PDB file of N, CA and C in Angstrom:
ATOM      1  N   MET A   1      98.563  97.106  92.774  1.00  0.00           N
ATOM      2  CA  MET A   1     100.299  96.237  92.811  1.00  0.00           C
ATOM      3  C   MET A   1      99.624  95.009  93.514  1.00  0.00           C
ATOM      4  N   ALA A   2     100.284  94.385  93.370  1.00  0.00           N
ATOM      5  CA  ALA A   2     100.275  92.684  93.938  1.00  0.00           C
ATOM      6  C   ALA A   2     101.261  92.540  95.011  1.00  0.00           C
ATOM      7  N   HIS A   3     100.050  92.179  96.169  1.00  0.00           N
ATOM      8  CA  HIS A   3     100.784  91.759  97.514  1.00  0.00           C
ATOM      9  C   HIS A   3     101.536  90.256  97.223  1.00  0.00           C
ATOM     10  N   LYS A   4     103.122  90.524  98.101  1.00  0.00           N
ATOM     11  CA  LYS A   4     104.331  89.714  97.541  1.00  0.00           C
ATOM     12  C   LYS A   4     104.447  88.820  98.606  1.00  0.00           C
ATOM     13  N   HIS A   5     104.397  87.863  98.271  1.00  0.00           N
ATOM     14  CA  HIS A   5     104.585  86.432  99.376  1.00  0.00           C
ATOM     15  C   HIS A   5     106.258  85.622  99.321  1.00  0.00           C
ATOM     16  N   ASP A   6     106.218  85.945  99.793  1.00  0.00           N
ATOM     17  CA  ASP A   6     107.953  85.422 100.213  1.00  0.00           C
ATOM     18  C   ASP A   6     107.421  83.787 100.542  1.00  0.00           C
ATOM     19  N   HIS A   7     108.721  82.945  99.580  1.00  0.00           N
ATOM     20  CA  HIS A   7     108.068  81.376 100.033  1.00  0.00           C
ATOM     21  C   HIS A   7     109.598  80.666  99.725  1.00  0.00           C
ATOM     22  N   ASP A   8     109.755  79.800 100.959  1.00  0.00           N
ATOM     23  CA  ASP A   8     111.131  79.636 100.881  1.00  0.00           C
ATOM     24  C   ASP A   8     110.979  78.219  99.832  1.00  0.00           C
ATOM     25  N   HIS A   9     111.420  78.342  98.390  1.00  0.00           N
ATOM     26  CA  HIS A   9     111.571  76.880  97.546  1.00  0.00           C
ATOM     27  C   HIS A   9     113.030  75.674  98.272  1.00  0.00           C
ATOM     28  N   ASP A  10     113.197  76.122  99.638  1.00  0.00           N
ATOM     29  CA  ASP A  10     114.089  75.035 100.048  1.00  0.00           C
ATOM     30  C   ASP A  10     113.479  73.617 100.002  1.00  0.00           C
ATOM     31  N   HIS A  11     112.207  73.524 100.306  1.00  0.00           N
ATOM     32  CA  HIS A  11     111.820  72.430 100.711  1.00  0.00           C
ATOM     33  C   HIS A  11     111.368  71.003 100.173  1.00  0.00           C
ATOM     34  N   ASP A  12     111.056  69.802 100.402  1.00  0.00           N
ATOM     35  CA  ASP A  12     111.041  68.805  99.073  1.00  0.00           C
ATOM     36  C   ASP A  12     109.770  68.225  98.850  1.00  0.00           C
ATOM     37  N   HIS A  13     108.738  69.820  98.377  1.00  0.00           N
ATOM     38  CA  HIS A  13     107.865  69.144  97.735  1.00  0.00           C
ATOM     39  C   HIS A  13     107.416  69.693  96.637  1.00  0.00           C
ATOM     40  N   GLU A  14     106.229  69.074  95.556  1.00  0.00           N
ATOM     41  CA  GLU A  14     106.206  69.976  94.371  1.00  0.00           C
ATOM     42  C   GLU A  14     104.923  70.524  94.253  1.00  0.00           C
ATOM     43  N   HIS A  15     105.007  72.270  93.694  1.00  0.00           N
ATOM     44  CA  HIS A  15     103.643  72.864  93.320  1.00  0.00           C
ATOM     45  C   HIS A  15     102.952  71.940  92.313  1.00  0.00           C
ATOM     46  N   ASP A  16     101.747  72.060  92.437  1.00  0.00           N
ATOM     47  CA  ASP A  16     100.399  72.049  90.557  1.00  0.00           C
ATOM     48  C   ASP A  16     100.483  73.180  90.336  1.00  0.00           C
ATOM     49  N   TYR A  17     101.811  73.526  89.154  1.00  0.00           N
ATOM     50  CA  TYR A  17     101.234  74.613  88.821  1.00  0.00           C
ATOM     51  C   TYR A  17     100.116  74.311  87.734  1.00  0.00           C
ATOM     52  N   GLU A  18      99.335  75.186  87.369  1.00  0.00           N
ATOM     53  CA  GLU A  18      98.422  74.880  86.602  1.00  0.00           C
ATOM     54  C   GLU A  18      99.035  75.293  85.158  1.00  0.00           C
ATOM     55  N   GLU A  19     100.077  76.085  84.579  1.00  0.00           N
ATOM     56  CA  GLU A  19     100.211  76.907  83.687  1.00  0.00           C
ATOM     57  C   GLU A  19     101.251  77.763  83.884  1.00  0.00           C
ATOM     58  N   ILE A  20     102.450  78.103  82.716  1.00  0.00           N
ATOM     59  CA  ILE A  20     102.987  79.239  82.875  1.00  0.00           C
ATOM     60  C   ILE A  20     102.706  80.306  81.941  1.00  0.00           C
ATOM     61  N   VAL A  21     102.534  81.787  82.417  1.00  0.00           N
ATOM     62  CA  VAL A  21     102.558  82.591  81.670  1.00  0.00           C
ATOM     63  C   VAL A  21     103.840  83.816  82.021  1.00  0.00           C
ATOM     64  N   VAL A  22     103.630  84.004  81.063  1.00  0.00           N
ATOM     65  CA  VAL A  22     104.828  85.369  80.659  1.00  0.00           C
ATOM     66  C   VAL A  22     103.938  87.035  80.950  1.00  0.00           C
ATOM     67  N   LEU A  23     104.317  87.443  81.828  1.00  0.00           N
ATOM     68  CA  LEU A  23     103.877  88.916  82.402  1.00  0.00           C
ATOM     69  C   LEU A  23     105.285  89.613  81.785  1.00  0.00           C
ATOM     70  N   GLN A  24     104.292  91.291  81.386  1.00  0.00           N
ATOM     71  CA  GLN A  24     104.867  92.253  81.191  1.00  0.00           C
ATOM     72  C   GLN A  24     104.833  93.246  82.132  1.00  0.00           C
ATOM     73  N   ASP A  25     105.600  93.768  82.869  1.00  0.00           N
ATOM     74  CA  ASP A  25     105.410  94.991  83.360  1.00  0.00           C
ATOM     75  C   ASP A  25     105.448  96.729  82.614  1.00  0.00           C
ATOM     76  N   GLU A  26     105.197  97.493  83.518  1.00  0.00           N
ATOM     77  CA  GLU A  26     105.046  98.611  82.317  1.00  0.00           C
ATOM     78  C   GLU A  26     106.126  99.096  81.739  1.00  0.00           C
ATOM     79  N   ASP A  27     107.390  99.153  82.002  1.00  0.00           N
ATOM     80  CA  ASP A  27     108.659  98.972  81.513  1.00  0.00           C
ATOM     81  C   ASP A  27     108.623  97.964  80.577  1.00  0.00           C
ATOM     82  N   GLY A  28     107.889  97.485  80.059  1.00  0.00           N
ATOM     83  CA  GLY A  28     107.833  96.419  79.073  1.00  0.00           C
ATOM     84  C   GLY A  28     108.569  95.028  79.103  1.00  0.00           C
ATOM     85  N   ASN A  29     109.219  94.537  80.593  1.00  0.00           N
ATOM     86  CA  ASN A  29     110.172  93.866  80.958  1.00  0.00           C
ATOM     87  C   ASN A  29     109.358  92.682  81.051  1.00  0.00           C
ATOM     88  N   GLU A  30     109.814  91.264  80.575  1.00  0.00           N
ATOM     89  CA  GLU A  30     109.262  90.203  80.354  1.00  0.00           C
ATOM     90  C   GLU A  30     109.479  89.172  81.002  1.00  0.00           C
ATOM     91  N   GLN A  31     108.817  88.202  81.919  1.00  0.00           N
ATOM     92  CA  GLN A  31     108.760  87.296  83.320  1.00  0.00           C
ATOM     93  C   GLN A  31     108.112  85.974  83.345  1.00  0.00           C
ATOM     94  N   GLU A  32     108.836  85.328  83.021  1.00  0.00           N
ATOM     95  CA  GLU A  32     108.153  83.972  82.931  1.00  0.00           C
ATOM     96  C   GLU A  32     107.179  83.624  84.100  1.00  0.00           C
ATOM     97  N   CYS A  33     106.498  83.413  84.622  1.00  0.00           N
ATOM     98  CA  CYS A  33     105.926  83.026  85.847  1.00  0.00           C
ATOM     99  C   CYS A  33     105.171  81.544  85.997  1.00  0.00           C
ATOM    100  N   ALA A  34     105.209  80.522  86.825  1.00  0.00           N
ATOM    101  CA  ALA A  34     104.337  79.572  87.074  1.00  0.00           C
ATOM    102  C   ALA A  34     103.284  79.705  87.939  1.00  0.00           C
ATOM    103  N   ILE A  35     101.619  79.464  87.594  1.00  0.00           N
ATOM    104  CA  ILE A  35     100.618  79.878  88.410  1.00  0.00           C
ATOM    105  C   ILE A  35     100.639  78.667  89.171  1.00  0.00           C
ATOM    106  N   TYR A  36     100.546  79.096  90.686  1.00  0.00           N
ATOM    107  CA  TYR A  36      99.078  77.992  91.878  1.00  0.00           C
ATOM    108  C   TYR A  36      98.463  78.541  91.736  1.00  0.00           C
ATOM    109  N   ASP A  37      97.338  77.841  91.529  1.00  0.00           N
ATOM    110  CA  ASP A  37      95.733  78.579  92.041  1.00  0.00           C
ATOM    111  C   ASP A  37      95.333  77.388  93.177  1.00  0.00           C
ATOM    112  N   PHE A  38      94.453  78.408  93.638  1.00  0.00           N
ATOM    113  CA  PHE A  38      93.761  77.542  95.139  1.00  0.00           C
ATOM    114  C   PHE A  38      92.012  78.252  94.950  1.00  0.00           C
ATOM    115  N   GLU A  39      91.552  77.169  95.821  1.00  0.00           N
ATOM    116  CA  GLU A  39      90.321  78.385  96.143  1.00  0.00           C
ATOM    117  C   GLU A  39      90.357  78.055  97.440  1.00  0.00           C
ATOM    118  N   LEU A  40      89.280  79.085  98.356  1.00  0.00           N
ATOM    119  CA  LEU A  40      89.856  79.937  99.701  1.00  0.00           C
ATOM    120  C   LEU A  40      87.979  80.453  99.677  1.00  0.00           C
ATOM    121  N   ASP A  41      87.277  79.594 100.354  1.00  0.00           N
ATOM    122  CA  ASP A  41      85.910  80.285 100.782  1.00  0.00           C
ATOM    123  C   ASP A  41      85.003  81.072  99.406  1.00  0.00           C
ATOM    124  N   GLY A  42      84.944  80.334  98.453  1.00  0.00           N
ATOM    125  CA  GLY A  42      84.445  80.159  97.528  1.00  0.00           C
ATOM    126  C   GLY A  42      85.039  80.919  96.046  1.00  0.00           C
ATOM    127  N   GLN A  43      86.351  81.771  96.480  1.00  0.00           N
ATOM    128  CA  GLN A  43      86.795  82.323  95.685  1.00  0.00           C
ATOM    129  C   GLN A  43      88.188  81.710  94.826  1.00  0.00           C
ATOM    130  N   MET A  44      88.645  82.264  93.421  1.00  0.00           N
ATOM    131  CA  MET A  44      89.867  81.454  93.132  1.00  0.00           C
ATOM    132  C   MET A  44      90.769  82.736  93.819  1.00  0.00           C
ATOM    133  N   TYR A  45      92.233  82.017  93.959  1.00  0.00           N
ATOM    134  CA  TYR A  45      93.462  83.277  93.966  1.00  0.00           C
ATOM    135  C   TYR A  45      94.288  82.367  93.474  1.00  0.00           C
ATOM    136  N   ALA A  46      95.677  83.253  92.819  1.00  0.00           N
ATOM    137  CA  ALA A  46      96.601  82.826  92.083  1.00  0.00           C
ATOM    138  C   ALA A  46      97.792  83.347  92.734  1.00  0.00           C
ATOM    139  N   VAL A  47      98.836  82.093  92.513  1.00  0.00           N
ATOM    140  CA  VAL A  47     100.387  82.667  93.141  1.00  0.00           C
ATOM    141  C   VAL A  47     101.298  82.675  91.896  1.00  0.00           C
ATOM    142  N   LEU A  48     101.935  83.935  91.829  1.00  0.00           N
ATOM    143  CA  LEU A  48     102.786  83.515  90.163  1.00  0.00           C
ATOM    144  C   LEU A  48     104.116  83.467  90.407  1.00  0.00           C
ATOM    145  N   PHE A  49     104.953  82.614  90.691  1.00  0.00           N
ATOM    146  CA  PHE A  49     106.139  82.630  90.637  1.00  0.00           C
ATOM    147  C   PHE A  49     106.894  82.690  90.215  1.00  0.00           C
ATOM    148  N   PRO A  50     108.152  83.673  89.811  1.00  0.00           N
ATOM    149  CA  PRO A  50     108.938  84.168  88.840  1.00  0.00           C
ATOM    150  C   PRO A  50     109.900  82.466  88.703  1.00  0.00           C
ATOM    151  N   ILE A  51     109.945  81.850  87.703  1.00  0.00           N
ATOM    152  CA  ILE A  51     110.248  80.771  86.898  1.00  0.00           C
ATOM    153  C   ILE A  51     112.254  80.779  86.952  1.00  0.00           C
ATOM    154  N   HIS A  52     112.609  82.405  86.751  1.00  0.00           N
ATOM    155  CA  HIS A  52     113.805  82.423  86.450  1.00  0.00           C
ATOM    156  C   HIS A  52     114.869  82.739  88.016  1.00  0.00           C
ATOM    157  N   GLU A  53     113.771  83.253  88.726  1.00  0.00           N
ATOM    158  CA  GLU A  53     114.054  84.262  90.369  1.00  0.00           C
ATOM    159  C   GLU A  53     113.080  83.672  91.333  1.00  0.00           C
ATOM    160  N   PRO A  54     113.324  82.480  91.719  1.00  0.00           N
ATOM    161  CA  PRO A  54     112.528  81.599  92.688  1.00  0.00           C
ATOM    162  C   PRO A  54     112.735  82.304  93.922  1.00  0.00           C
ATOM    163  N   ASP A  55     114.194  83.217  94.225  1.00  0.00           N
ATOM    164  CA  ASP A  55     114.209  83.513  95.471  1.00  0.00           C
ATOM    165  C   ASP A  55     113.576  84.730  95.757  1.00  0.00           C
ATOM    166  N   GLN A  56     112.596  85.472  94.647  1.00  0.00           N
ATOM    167  CA  GLN A  56     111.876  86.338  94.545  1.00  0.00           C
ATOM    168  C   GLN A  56     110.479  86.910  95.101  1.00  0.00           C
ATOM    169  N   GLY A  57     109.895  84.907  95.414  1.00  0.00           N
ATOM    170  CA  GLY A  57     109.058  84.696  96.011  1.00  0.00           C
ATOM    171  C   GLY A  57     107.587  84.869  95.121  1.00  0.00           C
ATOM    172  N   GLY A  58     106.801  84.540  95.980  1.00  0.00           N
ATOM    173  CA  GLY A  58     105.309  84.755  94.592  1.00  0.00           C
ATOM    174  C   GLY A  58     104.574  85.868  94.576  1.00  0.00           C
ATOM    175  N   PHE A  59     103.809  86.397  93.836  1.00  0.00           N
ATOM    176  CA  PHE A  59     102.570  87.671  94.212  1.00  0.00           C
ATOM    177  C   PHE A  59     101.350  86.717  94.081  1.00  0.00           C
ATOM    178  N   ILE A  60     100.570  87.665  95.040  1.00  0.00           N
ATOM    179  CA  ILE A  60      99.563  86.660  95.123  1.00  0.00           C
ATOM    180  C   ILE A  60      98.136  87.479  94.418  1.00  0.00           C
ATOM    181  N   TYR A  61      97.472  86.956  93.613  1.00  0.00           N
ATOM    182  CA  TYR A  61      96.160  87.784  92.922  1.00  0.00           C
ATOM    183  C   TYR A  61      95.017  86.893  93.190  1.00  0.00           C
ATOM    184  N   ARG A  62      93.580  87.515  93.167  1.00  0.00           N
ATOM    185  CA  ARG A  62      92.136  87.225  92.655  1.00  0.00           C
ATOM    186  C   ARG A  62      91.978  86.824  91.639  1.00  0.00           C
ATOM    187  N   MET A  63      91.344  86.104  91.490  1.00  0.00           N
ATOM    188  CA  MET A  63      91.085  85.181  89.793  1.00  0.00           C
ATOM    189  C   MET A  63      89.799  85.496  89.788  1.00  0.00           C
ATOM    190  N   GLU A  64      89.670  86.240  88.735  1.00  0.00           N
ATOM    191  CA  GLU A  64      88.078  86.231  88.150  1.00  0.00           C
ATOM    192  C   GLU A  64      87.899  86.255  86.899  1.00  0.00           C
ATOM    193  N   THR A  65      86.459  86.220  86.468  1.00  0.00           N
ATOM    194  CA  THR A  65      86.615  85.838  84.826  1.00  0.00           C
ATOM    195  C   THR A  65      85.671  87.138  84.419  1.00  0.00           C
ATOM    196  N   ASN A  66      86.396  87.498  83.370  1.00  0.00           N
ATOM    197  CA  ASN A  66      85.891  88.542  82.766  1.00  0.00           C
ATOM    198  C   ASN A  66      84.521  88.582  81.932  1.00  0.00           C
ATOM    199  N   GLU A  67      83.487  89.510  80.934  1.00  0.00           N
ATOM    200  CA  GLU A  67      82.889  89.329  80.374  1.00  0.00           C
ATOM    201  C   GLU A  67      82.750  88.538  79.164  1.00  0.00           C
ATOM    202  N   ASP A  68      84.340  88.373  78.944  1.00  0.00           N
ATOM    203  CA  ASP A  68      84.113  87.567  77.670  1.00  0.00           C
ATOM    204  C   ASP A  68      84.744  86.266  77.712  1.00  0.00           C
ATOM    205  N   GLY A  69      84.714  85.835  79.343  1.00  0.00           N
ATOM    206  CA  GLY A  69      84.235  84.524  80.146  1.00  0.00           C
ATOM    207  C   GLY A  69      86.256  83.629  80.260  1.00  0.00           C
ATOM    208  N   GLU A  70      87.348  84.688  79.693  1.00  0.00           N
ATOM    209  CA  GLU A  70      88.229  84.768  80.015  1.00  0.00           C
ATOM    210  C   GLU A  70      88.562  85.056  81.907  1.00  0.00           C
ATOM    211  N   GLU A  71      89.720  84.185  82.088  1.00  0.00           N
ATOM    212  CA  GLU A  71      90.319  84.420  83.874  1.00  0.00           C
ATOM    213  C   GLU A  71      91.091  85.910  83.366  1.00  0.00           C
ATOM    214  N   VAL A  72      90.904  86.331  84.753  1.00  0.00           N
ATOM    215  CA  VAL A  72      92.017  87.582  84.828  1.00  0.00           C
ATOM    216  C   VAL A  72      92.070  87.325  86.416  1.00  0.00           C
ATOM    217  N   LEU A  73      93.656  88.422  86.343  1.00  0.00           N
ATOM    218  CA  LEU A  73      93.919  88.248  87.792  1.00  0.00           C
ATOM    219  C   LEU A  73      94.112  89.826  88.347  1.00  0.00           C
ATOM    220  N   LEU A  74      93.431  89.930  89.260  1.00  0.00           N
ATOM    221  CA  LEU A  74      93.507  91.451  89.887  1.00  0.00           C
ATOM    222  C   LEU A  74      94.335  91.403  91.034  1.00  0.00           C
ATOM    223  N   ASP A  75      94.375  93.022  91.395  1.00  0.00           N
ATOM    224  CA  ASP A  75      94.963  92.829  93.114  1.00  0.00           C
ATOM    225  C   ASP A  75      94.396  92.436  94.017  1.00  0.00           C
ATOM    226  N   ILE A  76      94.843  92.322  95.182  1.00  0.00           N
ATOM    227  CA  ILE A  76      93.952  91.891  96.230  1.00  0.00           C
ATOM    228  C   ILE A  76      93.770  93.286  96.859  1.00  0.00           C
ATOM    229  N   GLU A  77      92.766  94.436  97.266  1.00  0.00           N
ATOM    230  CA  GLU A  77      93.251  95.412  97.677  1.00  0.00           C
ATOM    231  C   GLU A  77      92.433  95.721  98.985  1.00  0.00           C
ATOM    232  N   ASP A  78      91.925  94.400  99.620  1.00  0.00           N
ATOM    233  CA  ASP A  78      91.619  94.354 100.938  1.00  0.00           C
ATOM    234  C   ASP A  78      92.333  93.932 101.738  1.00  0.00           C
ATOM    235  N   ASP A  79      92.954  94.223 102.715  1.00  0.00           N
ATOM    236  CA  ASP A  79      93.612  94.031 103.893  1.00  0.00           C
ATOM    237  C   ASP A  79      93.810  92.720 104.490  1.00  0.00           C
ATOM    238  N   GLU A  80      92.018  92.840 104.726  1.00  0.00           N
ATOM    239  CA  GLU A  80      91.869  91.731 105.388  1.00  0.00           C
ATOM    240  C   GLU A  80      91.731  90.614 104.209  1.00  0.00           C
ATOM    241  N   GLU A  81      91.306  90.402 103.157  1.00  0.00           N
ATOM    242  CA  GLU A  81      90.766  89.254 102.479  1.00  0.00           C
ATOM    243  C   GLU A  81      92.720  89.097 102.129  1.00  0.00           C
ATOM    244  N   PHE A  82      93.451  90.091 101.846  1.00  0.00           N
ATOM    245  CA  PHE A  82      94.842  89.620 101.513  1.00  0.00           C
ATOM    246  C   PHE A  82      95.416  88.467 102.585  1.00  0.00           C
ATOM    247  N   GLU A  83      95.106  89.087 103.986  1.00  0.00           N
ATOM    248  CA  GLU A  83      95.503  88.454 105.339  1.00  0.00           C
ATOM    249  C   GLU A  83      95.276  87.188 105.262  1.00  0.00           C
ATOM    250  N   ARG A  84      93.956  86.706 105.397  1.00  0.00           N
ATOM    251  CA  ARG A  84      93.085  85.774 105.459  1.00  0.00           C
ATOM    252  C   ARG A  84      93.879  85.080 104.287  1.00  0.00           C
ATOM    253  N   VAL A  85      94.118  85.235 103.053  1.00  0.00           N
ATOM    254  CA  VAL A  85      94.727  84.543 102.289  1.00  0.00           C
ATOM    255  C   VAL A  85      96.537  84.059 101.994  1.00  0.00           C
ATOM    256  N   LEU A  86      96.672  85.211 102.739  1.00  0.00           N
ATOM    257  CA  LEU A  86      98.258  84.577 103.204  1.00  0.00           C
ATOM    258  C   LEU A  86      98.443  83.435 104.113  1.00  0.00           C
ATOM    259  N   ALA A  87      97.434  83.681 105.346  1.00  0.00           N
ATOM    260  CA  ALA A  87      97.030  82.481 106.734  1.00  0.00           C
ATOM    261  C   ALA A  87      97.080  81.714 105.850  1.00  0.00           C
ATOM    262  N   PHE A  88      96.021  81.326 105.223  1.00  0.00           N
ATOM    263  CA  PHE A  88      96.068  79.912 104.123  1.00  0.00           C
ATOM    264  C   PHE A  88      96.988  79.107 103.532  1.00  0.00           C
ATOM    265  N   LEU A  89      97.571  80.163 103.039  1.00  0.00           N
ATOM    266  CA  LEU A  89      99.113  79.587 102.247  1.00  0.00           C
ATOM    267  C   LEU A  89      99.880  78.817 103.056  1.00  0.00           C
ATOM    268  N   GLU A  90     100.543  80.202 104.481  1.00  0.00           N
ATOM    269  CA  GLU A  90     101.366  79.293 104.731  1.00  0.00           C
ATOM    270  C   GLU A  90     101.143  78.238 105.636  1.00  0.00           C
ATOM    271  N   THR A  91      99.559  77.998 106.161  1.00  0.00           N
ATOM    272  CA  THR A  91      98.959  76.680 106.528  1.00  0.00           C
ATOM    273  C   THR A  91      99.136  75.708 105.518  1.00  0.00           C
ATOM    274  N   ASP A  92      99.213  76.116 104.161  1.00  0.00           N
ATOM    275  CA  ASP A  92      98.968  74.888 102.974  1.00  0.00           C
ATOM    276  C   ASP A  92      99.998  74.538 102.792  1.00  0.00           C
ATOM    277  N   VAL A  93     101.148  75.954 103.173  1.00  0.00           N
ATOM    278  CA  VAL A  93     102.581  75.064 102.998  1.00  0.00           C
ATOM    279  C   VAL A  93     102.887  74.407 104.003  1.00  0.00           C
ATOM    280  N   MET A  94     102.864  74.500 105.074  1.00  0.00           N
ATOM    281  CA  MET A  94     103.203  73.982 106.243  1.00  0.00           C
ATOM    282  C   MET A  94     103.135  72.360 106.461  1.00  0.00           C
ATOM    283  N   GLU A  95     101.685  72.141 105.786  1.00  0.00           N
ATOM    284  CA  GLU A  95     100.859  70.731 105.205  1.00  0.00           C
ATOM    285  C   GLU A  95     101.749  69.785 104.440  1.00  0.00           C
ATOM    286  N   MET A  96     102.271  70.913 103.718  1.00  0.00           N
ATOM    287  CA  MET A  96     103.270  70.211 102.338  1.00  0.00           C
ATOM    288  C   MET A  96     104.583  69.664 102.591  1.00  0.00           C
ATOM    289  N   GLU A  97     105.304  70.323 103.653  1.00  0.00           N
ATOM    290  CA  GLU A  97     106.800  69.929 104.334  1.00  0.00           C
ATOM    291  C   GLU A  97     106.717  69.141 105.452  1.00  0.00           C
TER     292      GLU A  97
END
């Protein structure tokens, strides 16, 4: 399960979204999301923001490369790692405002 990051979209800066992806949940429901990716301590992370439901906030994932060389999104299972990423995001957002 991805950790959720509430993000207020009522400010004046724009995110640099790398791409738009379509996610499908276990019930087959599809949702378009914009990806904001960043590096922290040598590890890549991504926040996915639902395009059609911006008030929902974002979902934070760790980015890894699989054996086929494709980037995949993984849940952040370590609470300390998640808190470190969340603190970085909150600082990053504050600097942009």
